[in-house]
Amino acid sequence: MIAVDTNIIIRLLTRDDEQQYQRSLTLFEQLDIFISDTVILETEWVLRFTYCFTTSDICEALRTLLGLPNVQITNANLIAQVLQWHEQGLDFADAFHLAQS
């Protein structure tokens, strides 16, 4: 299992650089992947501020990514709650911190 950083996920989700996208795709196709809580937080921020993803697009992308059978995260129930609250209008980071409390 490998842990991936935000840039690997961003390349996969945005496909903004074809060569880096292909490298990211290969990792996700061939290896077991761990994504830390901080990387999930950073990914949401980058998608929102740099790529202008909507709340709905962010939640859909993260659900799809985190639902892959070879992707592991620390607490799937916590992330599910965060995504639900975010879709209901709560800031992603605030929802994350609330869910952890």
PDB file of N, CA and C in Angstrom:
ATOM      1  N   MET A   1       0.847  -1.177   0.000  1.00  0.00           N
ATOM      2  CA  MET A   1       0.000   0.000   0.000  1.00  0.00           C
ATOM      3  C   MET A   1       0.891   1.238   0.000  1.00  0.00           C
ATOM      4  N   ILE A   2       0.455   2.234  -0.774  1.00  0.00           N
ATOM      5  CA  ILE A   2       1.165   3.505  -0.771  1.00  0.00           C
ATOM      6  C   ILE A   2       0.215   4.614  -0.330  1.00  0.00           C
ATOM      7  N   ALA A   3       0.767   5.641   0.260  1.00  0.00           N
ATOM      8  CA  ALA A   3       0.006   6.844   0.591  1.00  0.00           C
ATOM      9  C   ALA A   3       0.234   7.851  -0.529  1.00  0.00           C
ATOM     10  N   VAL A   4      -0.832   8.492  -0.963  1.00  0.00           N
ATOM     11  CA  VAL A   4      -0.701   9.484  -2.033  1.00  0.00           C
ATOM     12  C   VAL A   4      -0.912  10.884  -1.480  1.00  0.00           C
ATOM     13  N   ASP A   5      -0.287  11.834  -2.142  1.00  0.00           N
ATOM     14  CA  ASP A   5      -0.409  13.231  -1.776  1.00  0.00           C
ATOM     15  C   ASP A   5      -1.500  13.887  -2.627  1.00  0.00           C
ATOM     16  N   THR A   6      -1.840  15.091  -2.242  1.00  0.00           N
ATOM     17  CA  THR A   6      -2.915  15.825  -2.902  1.00  0.00           C
ATOM     18  C   THR A   6      -2.687  15.950  -4.405  1.00  0.00           C
ATOM     19  N   ASN A   7      -1.470  16.242  -4.814  1.00  0.00           N
ATOM     20  CA  ASN A   7      -1.218  16.464  -6.242  1.00  0.00           C
ATOM     21  C   ASN A   7      -1.543  15.237  -7.088  1.00  0.00           C
ATOM     22  N   ILE A   8      -1.335  14.049  -6.563  1.00  0.00           N
ATOM     23  CA  ILE A   8      -1.665  12.819  -7.298  1.00  0.00           C
ATOM     24  C   ILE A   8      -3.177  12.738  -7.513  1.00  0.00           C
ATOM     25  N   ILE A   9      -3.932  13.052  -6.485  1.00  0.00           N
ATOM     26  CA  ILE A   9      -5.393  13.006  -6.579  1.00  0.00           C
ATOM     27  C   ILE A   9      -5.911  14.088  -7.519  1.00  0.00           C
ATOM     28  N   ILE A  10      -5.361  15.282  -7.401  1.00  0.00           N
ATOM     29  CA  ILE A  10      -5.796  16.385  -8.265  1.00  0.00           C
ATOM     30  C   ILE A  10      -5.552  16.049  -9.728  1.00  0.00           C
ATOM     31  N   ARG A  11      -4.388  15.488 -10.038  1.00  0.00           N
ATOM     32  CA  ARG A  11      -4.108  15.108 -11.430  1.00  0.00           C
ATOM     33  C   ARG A  11      -5.136  14.088 -11.920  1.00  0.00           C
ATOM     34  N   LEU A  12      -5.488  13.138 -11.065  1.00  0.00           N
ATOM     35  CA  LEU A  12      -6.451  12.106 -11.443  1.00  0.00           C
ATOM     36  C   LEU A  12      -7.840  12.700 -11.665  1.00  0.00           C
ATOM     37  N   LEU A  13      -8.266  13.581 -10.776  1.00  0.00           N
ATOM     38  CA  LEU A  13      -9.628  14.119 -10.841  1.00  0.00           C
ATOM     39  C   LEU A  13      -9.810  15.206 -11.894  1.00  0.00           C
ATOM     40  N   THR A  14      -8.752  15.940 -12.202  1.00  0.00           N
ATOM     41  CA  THR A  14      -8.899  17.060 -13.139  1.00  0.00           C
ATOM     42  C   THR A  14      -8.374  16.762 -14.537  1.00  0.00           C
ATOM     43  N   ARG A  15      -7.464  15.826 -14.623  1.00  0.00           N
ATOM     44  CA  ARG A  15      -6.840  15.461 -15.909  1.00  0.00           C
ATOM     45  C   ARG A  15      -6.291  16.701 -16.625  1.00  0.00           C
ATOM     46  N   ASP A  16      -5.725  17.609 -15.844  1.00  0.00           N
ATOM     47  CA  ASP A  16      -5.226  18.867 -16.401  1.00  0.00           C
ATOM     48  C   ASP A  16      -3.839  18.744 -17.024  1.00  0.00           C
ATOM     49  N   ASP A  17      -3.167  17.661 -16.768  1.00  0.00           N
ATOM     50  CA  ASP A  17      -1.862  17.373 -17.369  1.00  0.00           C
ATOM     51  C   ASP A  17      -1.891  15.897 -17.750  1.00  0.00           C
ATOM     52  N   GLU A  18      -1.938  15.627 -19.029  1.00  0.00           N
ATOM     53  CA  GLU A  18      -2.175  14.252 -19.500  1.00  0.00           C
ATOM     54  C   GLU A  18      -1.110  13.269 -19.011  1.00  0.00           C
ATOM     55  N   GLN A  19       0.133  13.672 -19.030  1.00  0.00           N
ATOM     56  CA  GLN A  19       1.203  12.778 -18.588  1.00  0.00           C
ATOM     57  C   GLN A  19       1.070  12.463 -17.096  1.00  0.00           C
ATOM     58  N   GLN A  20       0.821  13.477 -16.289  1.00  0.00           N
ATOM     59  CA  GLN A  20       0.658  13.249 -14.854  1.00  0.00           C
ATOM     60  C   GLN A  20      -0.638  12.500 -14.557  1.00  0.00           C
ATOM     61  N   TYR A  21      -1.673  12.759 -15.346  1.00  0.00           N
ATOM     62  CA  TYR A  21      -2.921  12.003 -15.196  1.00  0.00           C
ATOM     63  C   TYR A  21      -2.665  10.509 -15.412  1.00  0.00           C
ATOM     64  N   GLN A  22      -1.938  10.175 -16.472  1.00  0.00           N
ATOM     65  CA  GLN A  22      -1.664   8.769 -16.774  1.00  0.00           C
ATOM     66  C   GLN A  22      -0.867   8.108 -15.655  1.00  0.00           C
ATOM     67  N   ARG A  23       0.093   8.829 -15.089  1.00  0.00           N
ATOM     68  CA  ARG A  23       0.865   8.281 -13.972  1.00  0.00           C
ATOM     69  C   ARG A  23      -0.031   8.036 -12.760  1.00  0.00           C
ATOM     70  N   SER A  24      -0.894   8.999 -12.473  1.00  0.00           N
ATOM     71  CA  SER A  24      -1.816   8.848 -11.340  1.00  0.00           C
ATOM     72  C   SER A  24      -2.773   7.690 -11.574  1.00  0.00           C
ATOM     73  N   LEU A  25      -3.304   7.615 -12.772  1.00  0.00           N
ATOM     74  CA  LEU A  25      -4.230   6.538 -13.117  1.00  0.00           C
ATOM     75  C   LEU A  25      -3.571   5.178 -12.940  1.00  0.00           C
ATOM     76  N   THR A  26      -2.332   5.048 -13.372  1.00  0.00           N
ATOM     77  CA  THR A  26      -1.599   3.788 -13.220  1.00  0.00           C
ATOM     78  C   THR A  26      -1.473   3.405 -11.751  1.00  0.00           C
ATOM     79  N   LEU A  27      -1.149   4.374 -10.904  1.00  0.00           N
ATOM     80  CA  LEU A  27      -1.063   4.092  -9.463  1.00  0.00           C
ATOM     81  C   LEU A  27      -2.384   3.552  -8.937  1.00  0.00           C
ATOM     82  N   PHE A  28      -3.475   4.239  -9.279  1.00  0.00           N
ATOM     83  CA  PHE A  28      -4.782   3.844  -8.765  1.00  0.00           C
ATOM     84  C   PHE A  28      -5.272   2.532  -9.365  1.00  0.00           C
ATOM     85  N   GLU A  29      -4.825   2.195 -10.547  1.00  0.00           N
ATOM     86  CA  GLU A  29      -5.217   0.929 -11.169  1.00  0.00           C
ATOM     87  C   GLU A  29      -4.415  -0.258 -10.642  1.00  0.00           C
ATOM     88  N   GLN A  30      -3.186  -0.020 -10.203  1.00  0.00           N
ATOM     89  CA  GLN A  30      -2.297  -1.136  -9.893  1.00  0.00           C
ATOM     90  C   GLN A  30      -1.983  -1.336  -8.416  1.00  0.00           C
ATOM     91  N   LEU A  31      -2.237  -0.338  -7.588  1.00  0.00           N
ATOM     92  CA  LEU A  31      -1.801  -0.419  -6.196  1.00  0.00           C
ATOM     93  C   LEU A  31      -2.940  -0.175  -5.223  1.00  0.00           C
ATOM     94  N   ASP A  32      -2.736  -0.622  -4.003  1.00  0.00           N
ATOM     95  CA  ASP A  32      -3.623  -0.234  -2.918  1.00  0.00           C
ATOM     96  C   ASP A  32      -3.176   1.143  -2.451  1.00  0.00           C
ATOM     97  N   ILE A  33      -4.146   2.018  -2.234  1.00  0.00           N
ATOM     98  CA  ILE A  33      -3.879   3.429  -1.971  1.00  0.00           C
ATOM     99  C   ILE A  33      -4.435   3.824  -0.607  1.00  0.00           C
ATOM    100  N   PHE A  34      -3.643   4.571   0.157  1.00  0.00           N
ATOM    101  CA  PHE A  34      -4.125   5.187   1.393  1.00  0.00           C
ATOM    102  C   PHE A  34      -4.174   6.693   1.189  1.00  0.00           C
ATOM    103  N   ILE A  35      -5.308   7.300   1.599  1.00  0.00           N
ATOM    104  CA  ILE A  35      -5.471   8.753   1.524  1.00  0.00           C
ATOM    105  C   ILE A  35      -5.738   9.262   2.931  1.00  0.00           C
ATOM    106  N   SER A  36      -4.858  10.116   3.419  1.00  0.00           N
ATOM    107  CA  SER A  36      -4.986  10.640   4.783  1.00  0.00           C
ATOM    108  C   SER A  36      -6.064  11.721   4.855  1.00  0.00           C
ATOM    109  N   ASP A  37      -6.497  11.999   6.069  1.00  0.00           N
ATOM    110  CA  ASP A  37      -7.497  13.047   6.291  1.00  0.00           C
ATOM    111  C   ASP A  37      -7.018  14.398   5.771  1.00  0.00           C
ATOM    112  N   THR A  38      -5.759  14.730   6.028  1.00  0.00           N
ATOM    113  CA  THR A  38      -5.251  16.033   5.589  1.00  0.00           C
ATOM    114  C   THR A  38      -5.213  16.137   4.067  1.00  0.00           C
ATOM    115  N   VAL A  39      -4.944  15.050   3.397  1.00  0.00           N
ATOM    116  CA  VAL A  39      -4.953  15.063   1.934  1.00  0.00           C
ATOM    117  C   VAL A  39      -6.378  15.256   1.420  1.00  0.00           C
ATOM    118  N   ILE A  40      -7.354  14.671   2.069  1.00  0.00           N
ATOM    119  CA  ILE A  40      -8.750  14.880   1.680  1.00  0.00           C
ATOM    120  C   ILE A  40      -9.118  16.354   1.849  1.00  0.00           C
ATOM    121  N   LEU A  41      -8.739  16.958   2.971  1.00  0.00           N
ATOM    122  CA  LEU A  41      -9.001  18.385   3.199  1.00  0.00           C
ATOM    123  C   LEU A  41      -8.339  19.247   2.132  1.00  0.00           C
ATOM    124  N   GLU A  42      -7.081  18.979   1.850  1.00  0.00           N
ATOM    125  CA  GLU A  42      -6.359  19.755   0.838  1.00  0.00           C
ATOM    126  C   GLU A  42      -6.979  19.574  -0.546  1.00  0.00           C
ATOM    127  N   THR A  43      -7.387  18.368  -0.857  1.00  0.00           N
ATOM    128  CA  THR A  43      -7.989  18.092  -2.162  1.00  0.00           C
ATOM    129  C   THR A  43      -9.252  18.913  -2.357  1.00  0.00           C
ATOM    130  N   GLU A  44     -10.105  18.951  -1.345  1.00  0.00           N
ATOM    131  CA  GLU A  44     -11.332  19.760  -1.444  1.00  0.00           C
ATOM    132  C   GLU A  44     -10.984  21.214  -1.695  1.00  0.00           C
ATOM    133  N   TRP A  45     -10.024  21.745  -0.959  1.00  0.00           N
ATOM    134  CA  TRP A  45      -9.642  23.149  -1.081  1.00  0.00           C
ATOM    135  C   TRP A  45      -9.138  23.457  -2.493  1.00  0.00           C
ATOM    136  N   VAL A  46      -8.258  22.610  -3.008  1.00  0.00           N
ATOM    137  CA  VAL A  46      -7.702  22.830  -4.346  1.00  0.00           C
ATOM    138  C   VAL A  46      -8.794  22.730  -5.408  1.00  0.00           C
ATOM    139  N   LEU A  47      -9.661  21.745  -5.305  1.00  0.00           N
ATOM    140  CA  LEU A  47     -10.745  21.609  -6.285  1.00  0.00           C
ATOM    141  C   LEU A  47     -11.659  22.832  -6.275  1.00  0.00           C
ATOM    142  N   ARG A  48     -11.929  23.358  -5.090  1.00  0.00           N
ATOM    143  CA  ARG A  48     -12.834  24.507  -4.962  1.00  0.00           C
ATOM    144  C   ARG A  48     -12.177  25.797  -5.432  1.00  0.00           C
ATOM    145  N   PHE A  49     -10.988  26.097  -4.944  1.00  0.00           N
ATOM    146  CA  PHE A  49     -10.383  27.398  -5.212  1.00  0.00           C
ATOM    147  C   PHE A  49      -9.576  27.462  -6.505  1.00  0.00           C
ATOM    148  N   THR A  50      -8.928  26.403  -6.881  1.00  0.00           N
ATOM    149  CA  THR A  50      -8.098  26.432  -8.082  1.00  0.00           C
ATOM    150  C   THR A  50      -8.874  26.001  -9.318  1.00  0.00           C
ATOM    151  N   TYR A  51      -9.743  25.004  -9.168  1.00  0.00           N
ATOM    152  CA  TYR A  51     -10.451  24.452 -10.315  1.00  0.00           C
ATOM    153  C   TYR A  51     -11.929  24.827 -10.348  1.00  0.00           C
ATOM    154  N   CYS A  52     -12.379  25.607  -9.377  1.00  0.00           N
ATOM    155  CA  CYS A  52     -13.759  26.119  -9.329  1.00  0.00           C
ATOM    156  C   CYS A  52     -14.811  25.013  -9.376  1.00  0.00           C
ATOM    157  N   PHE A  53     -14.514  23.866  -8.769  1.00  0.00           N
ATOM    158  CA  PHE A  53     -15.507  22.803  -8.648  1.00  0.00           C
ATOM    159  C   PHE A  53     -16.635  23.289  -7.740  1.00  0.00           C
ATOM    160  N   THR A  54     -17.849  22.903  -8.062  1.00  0.00           N
ATOM    161  CA  THR A  54     -18.980  23.191  -7.189  1.00  0.00           C
ATOM    162  C   THR A  54     -18.989  22.199  -6.027  1.00  0.00           C
ATOM    163  N   THR A  55     -19.776  22.510  -5.025  1.00  0.00           N
ATOM    164  CA  THR A  55     -19.930  21.595  -3.893  1.00  0.00           C
ATOM    165  C   THR A  55     -20.370  20.218  -4.372  1.00  0.00           C
ATOM    166  N   SER A  56     -21.341  20.197  -5.255  1.00  0.00           N
ATOM    167  CA  SER A  56     -21.848  18.930  -5.783  1.00  0.00           C
ATOM    168  C   SER A  56     -20.758  18.158  -6.523  1.00  0.00           C
ATOM    169  N   ASP A  57     -19.987  18.858  -7.344  1.00  0.00           N
ATOM    170  CA  ASP A  57     -18.909  18.206  -8.093  1.00  0.00           C
ATOM    171  C   ASP A  57     -17.828  17.657  -7.163  1.00  0.00           C
ATOM    172  N   ILE A  58     -17.505  18.421  -6.123  1.00  0.00           N
ATOM    173  CA  ILE A  58     -16.500  17.972  -5.150  1.00  0.00           C
ATOM    174  C   ILE A  58     -16.973  16.710  -4.449  1.00  0.00           C
ATOM    175  N   CYS A  59     -18.197  16.736  -3.966  1.00  0.00           N
ATOM    176  CA  CYS A  59     -18.726  15.577  -3.237  1.00  0.00           C
ATOM    177  C   CYS A  59     -18.811  14.351  -4.137  1.00  0.00           C
ATOM    178  N   GLU A  60     -19.246  14.543  -5.364  1.00  0.00           N
ATOM    179  CA  GLU A  60     -19.327  13.420  -6.303  1.00  0.00           C
ATOM    180  C   GLU A  60     -17.941  12.851  -6.596  1.00  0.00           C
ATOM    181  N   ALA A  61     -16.978  13.726  -6.838  1.00  0.00           N
ATOM    182  CA  ALA A  61     -15.616  13.276  -7.138  1.00  0.00           C
ATOM    183  C   ALA A  61     -15.011  12.525  -5.957  1.00  0.00           C
ATOM    184  N   LEU A  62     -15.186  13.064  -4.755  1.00  0.00           N
ATOM    185  CA  LEU A  62     -14.620  12.404  -3.575  1.00  0.00           C
ATOM    186  C   LEU A  62     -15.318  11.081  -3.281  1.00  0.00           C
ATOM    187  N   ARG A  63     -16.631  11.035  -3.441  1.00  0.00           N
ATOM    188  CA  ARG A  63     -17.344   9.768  -3.218  1.00  0.00           C
ATOM    189  C   ARG A  63     -16.870   8.697  -4.198  1.00  0.00           C
ATOM    190  N   THR A  64     -16.713   9.076  -5.441  1.00  0.00           N
ATOM    191  CA  THR A  64     -16.251   8.128  -6.453  1.00  0.00           C
ATOM    192  C   THR A  64     -14.844   7.645  -6.132  1.00  0.00           C
ATOM    193  N   LEU A  65     -13.956   8.587  -5.858  1.00  0.00           N
ATOM    194  CA  LEU A  65     -12.567   8.248  -5.549  1.00  0.00           C
ATOM    195  C   LEU A  65     -12.464   7.378  -4.307  1.00  0.00           C
ATOM    196  N   LEU A  66     -13.108   7.808  -3.235  1.00  0.00           N
ATOM    197  CA  LEU A  66     -12.991   7.100  -1.959  1.00  0.00           C
ATOM    198  C   LEU A  66     -13.769   5.793  -1.941  1.00  0.00           C
ATOM    199  N   GLY A  67     -14.629   5.603  -2.925  1.00  0.00           N
ATOM    200  CA  GLY A  67     -15.381   4.365  -3.039  1.00  0.00           C
ATOM    201  C   GLY A  67     -14.671   3.275  -3.823  1.00  0.00           C
ATOM    202  N   LEU A  68     -13.517   3.604  -4.387  1.00  0.00           N
ATOM    203  CA  LEU A  68     -12.767   2.585  -5.126  1.00  0.00           C
ATOM    204  C   LEU A  68     -12.333   1.477  -4.170  1.00  0.00           C
ATOM    205  N   PRO A  69     -12.400   0.222  -4.615  1.00  0.00           N
ATOM    206  CA  PRO A  69     -12.119  -0.896  -3.700  1.00  0.00           C
ATOM    207  C   PRO A  69     -10.691  -0.940  -3.167  1.00  0.00           C
ATOM    208  N   ASN A  70      -9.760  -0.332  -3.857  1.00  0.00           N
ATOM    209  CA  ASN A  70      -8.361  -0.366  -3.420  1.00  0.00           C
ATOM    210  C   ASN A  70      -7.939   0.892  -2.662  1.00  0.00           C
ATOM    211  N   VAL A  71      -8.892   1.766  -2.361  1.00  0.00           N
ATOM    212  CA  VAL A  71      -8.588   3.010  -1.647  1.00  0.00           C
ATOM    213  C   VAL A  71      -9.000   2.870  -0.189  1.00  0.00           C
ATOM    214  N   GLN A  72      -8.065   3.177   0.691  1.00  0.00           N
ATOM    215  CA  GLN A  72      -8.307   3.128   2.135  1.00  0.00           C
ATOM    216  C   GLN A  72      -8.211   4.538   2.711  1.00  0.00           C
ATOM    217  N   ILE A  73      -9.098   4.835   3.651  1.00  0.00           N
ATOM    218  CA  ILE A  73      -9.037   6.085   4.391  1.00  0.00           C
ATOM    219  C   ILE A  73      -9.162   5.753   5.870  1.00  0.00           C
ATOM    220  N   THR A  74      -8.896   6.730   6.708  1.00  0.00           N
ATOM    221  CA  THR A  74      -8.897   6.487   8.145  1.00  0.00           C
ATOM    222  C   THR A  74     -10.280   6.143   8.670  1.00  0.00           C
ATOM    223  N   ASN A  75     -11.298   6.894   8.241  1.00  0.00           N
ATOM    224  CA  ASN A  75     -12.634   6.709   8.801  1.00  0.00           C
ATOM    225  C   ASN A  75     -13.690   7.028   7.745  1.00  0.00           C
ATOM    226  N   ALA A  76     -14.194   6.004   7.082  1.00  0.00           N
ATOM    227  CA  ALA A  76     -15.166   6.189   6.008  1.00  0.00           C
ATOM    228  C   ALA A  76     -16.466   6.799   6.510  1.00  0.00           C
ATOM    229  N   ASN A  77     -16.906   6.426   7.703  1.00  0.00           N
ATOM    230  CA  ASN A  77     -18.148   6.986   8.242  1.00  0.00           C
ATOM    231  C   ASN A  77     -18.018   8.479   8.493  1.00  0.00           C
ATOM    232  N   LEU A  78     -16.860   8.901   8.983  1.00  0.00           N
ATOM    233  CA  LEU A  78     -16.619  10.316   9.220  1.00  0.00           C
ATOM    234  C   LEU A  78     -16.680  11.090   7.905  1.00  0.00           C
ATOM    235  N   ILE A  79     -16.033  10.591   6.886  1.00  0.00           N
ATOM    236  CA  ILE A  79     -16.023  11.275   5.590  1.00  0.00           C
ATOM    237  C   ILE A  79     -17.421  11.308   4.985  1.00  0.00           C
ATOM    238  N   ALA A  80     -18.176  10.250   5.141  1.00  0.00           N
ATOM    239  CA  ALA A  80     -19.554  10.243   4.647  1.00  0.00           C
ATOM    240  C   ALA A  80     -20.365  11.345   5.318  1.00  0.00           C
ATOM    241  N   GLN A  81     -20.180  11.522   6.619  1.00  0.00           N
ATOM    242  CA  GLN A  81     -20.878  12.583   7.344  1.00  0.00           C
ATOM    243  C   GLN A  81     -20.421  13.961   6.871  1.00  0.00           C
ATOM    244  N   VAL A  82     -19.128  14.120   6.680  1.00  0.00           N
ATOM    245  CA  VAL A  82     -18.579  15.394   6.196  1.00  0.00           C
ATOM    246  C   VAL A  82     -19.191  15.755   4.844  1.00  0.00           C
ATOM    247  N   LEU A  83     -19.233  14.809   3.938  1.00  0.00           N
ATOM    248  CA  LEU A  83     -19.790  15.065   2.612  1.00  0.00           C
ATOM    249  C   LEU A  83     -21.271  15.417   2.693  1.00  0.00           C
ATOM    250  N   GLN A  84     -21.999  14.739   3.554  1.00  0.00           N
ATOM    251  CA  GLN A  84     -23.424  15.045   3.719  1.00  0.00           C
ATOM    252  C   GLN A  84     -23.611  16.468   4.235  1.00  0.00           C
ATOM    253  N   TRP A  85     -22.883  16.836   5.276  1.00  0.00           N
ATOM    254  CA  TRP A  85     -22.999  18.190   5.826  1.00  0.00           C
ATOM    255  C   TRP A  85     -22.544  19.240   4.820  1.00  0.00           C
ATOM    256  N   HIS A  86     -21.513  18.931   4.066  1.00  0.00           N
ATOM    257  CA  HIS A  86     -21.021  19.876   3.058  1.00  0.00           C
ATOM    258  C   HIS A  86     -22.088  20.109   1.989  1.00  0.00           C
ATOM    259  N   GLU A  87     -22.746  19.061   1.566  1.00  0.00           N
ATOM    260  CA  GLU A  87     -23.829  19.205   0.582  1.00  0.00           C
ATOM    261  C   GLU A  87     -24.997  20.011   1.137  1.00  0.00           C
ATOM    262  N   GLN A  88     -25.153  19.987   2.450  1.00  0.00           N
ATOM    263  CA  GLN A  88     -26.226  20.746   3.091  1.00  0.00           C
ATOM    264  C   GLN A  88     -25.826  22.197   3.366  1.00  0.00           C
ATOM    265  N   GLY A  89     -24.607  22.572   2.992  1.00  0.00           N
ATOM    266  CA  GLY A  89     -24.200  23.963   3.087  1.00  0.00           C
ATOM    267  C   GLY A  89     -23.089  24.290   4.059  1.00  0.00           C
ATOM    268  N   LEU A  90     -22.664  23.334   4.849  1.00  0.00           N
ATOM    269  CA  LEU A  90     -21.589  23.585   5.801  1.00  0.00           C
ATOM    270  C   LEU A  90     -20.248  23.587   5.065  1.00  0.00           C
ATOM    271  N   ASP A  91     -19.374  24.510   5.431  1.00  0.00           N
ATOM    272  CA  ASP A  91     -18.030  24.542   4.876  1.00  0.00           C
ATOM    273  C   ASP A  91     -17.369  23.178   5.095  1.00  0.00           C
ATOM    274  N   PHE A  92     -16.599  22.732   4.104  1.00  0.00           N
ATOM    275  CA  PHE A  92     -16.006  21.398   4.167  1.00  0.00           C
ATOM    276  C   PHE A  92     -15.113  21.229   5.391  1.00  0.00           C
ATOM    277  N   ALA A  93     -14.217  22.178   5.611  1.00  0.00           N
ATOM    278  CA  ALA A  93     -13.305  22.074   6.758  1.00  0.00           C
ATOM    279  C   ALA A  93     -14.071  22.130   8.070  1.00  0.00           C
ATOM    280  N   ASP A  94     -15.080  22.987   8.145  1.00  0.00           N
ATOM    281  CA  ASP A  94     -15.894  23.053   9.362  1.00  0.00           C
ATOM    282  C   ASP A  94     -16.621  21.735   9.597  1.00  0.00           C
ATOM    283  N   ALA A  95     -17.159  21.157   8.534  1.00  0.00           N
ATOM    284  CA  ALA A  95     -17.835  19.864   8.650  1.00  0.00           C
ATOM    285  C   ALA A  95     -16.857  18.789   9.105  1.00  0.00           C
ATOM    286  N   PHE A  96     -15.652  18.851   8.593  1.00  0.00           N
ATOM    287  CA  PHE A  96     -14.628  17.881   8.963  1.00  0.00           C
ATOM    288  C   PHE A  96     -14.293  17.991  10.441  1.00  0.00           C
ATOM    289  N   HIS A  97     -14.078  19.213  10.897  1.00  0.00           N
ATOM    290  CA  HIS A  97     -13.738  19.418  12.306  1.00  0.00           C
ATOM    291  C   HIS A  97     -14.903  19.049  13.224  1.00  0.00           C
ATOM    292  N   LEU A  98     -16.112  19.376  12.816  1.00  0.00           N
ATOM    293  CA  LEU A  98     -17.286  19.016  13.608  1.00  0.00           C
ATOM    294  C   LEU A  98     -17.428  17.496  13.695  1.00  0.00           C
ATOM    295  N   ALA A  99     -17.246  16.820  12.595  1.00  0.00           N
ATOM    296  CA  ALA A  99     -17.377  15.360  12.587  1.00  0.00           C
ATOM    297  C   ALA A  99     -16.323  14.695  13.468  1.00  0.00           C
ATOM    298  N   GLN A 100     -15.174  15.319  13.599  1.00  0.00           N
ATOM    299  CA  GLN A 100     -14.110  14.756  14.428  1.00  0.00           C
ATOM    300  C   GLN A 100     -14.301  15.047  15.909  1.00  0.00           C
ATOM    301  N   SER A 101     -15.181  15.970  16.220  1.00  0.00           N
ATOM    302  CA  SER A 101     -15.344  16.338  17.642  1.00  0.00           C
ATOM    303  C   SER A 101     -16.282  15.395  18.371  1.00  0.00           C
TER     304      SER A 101
END
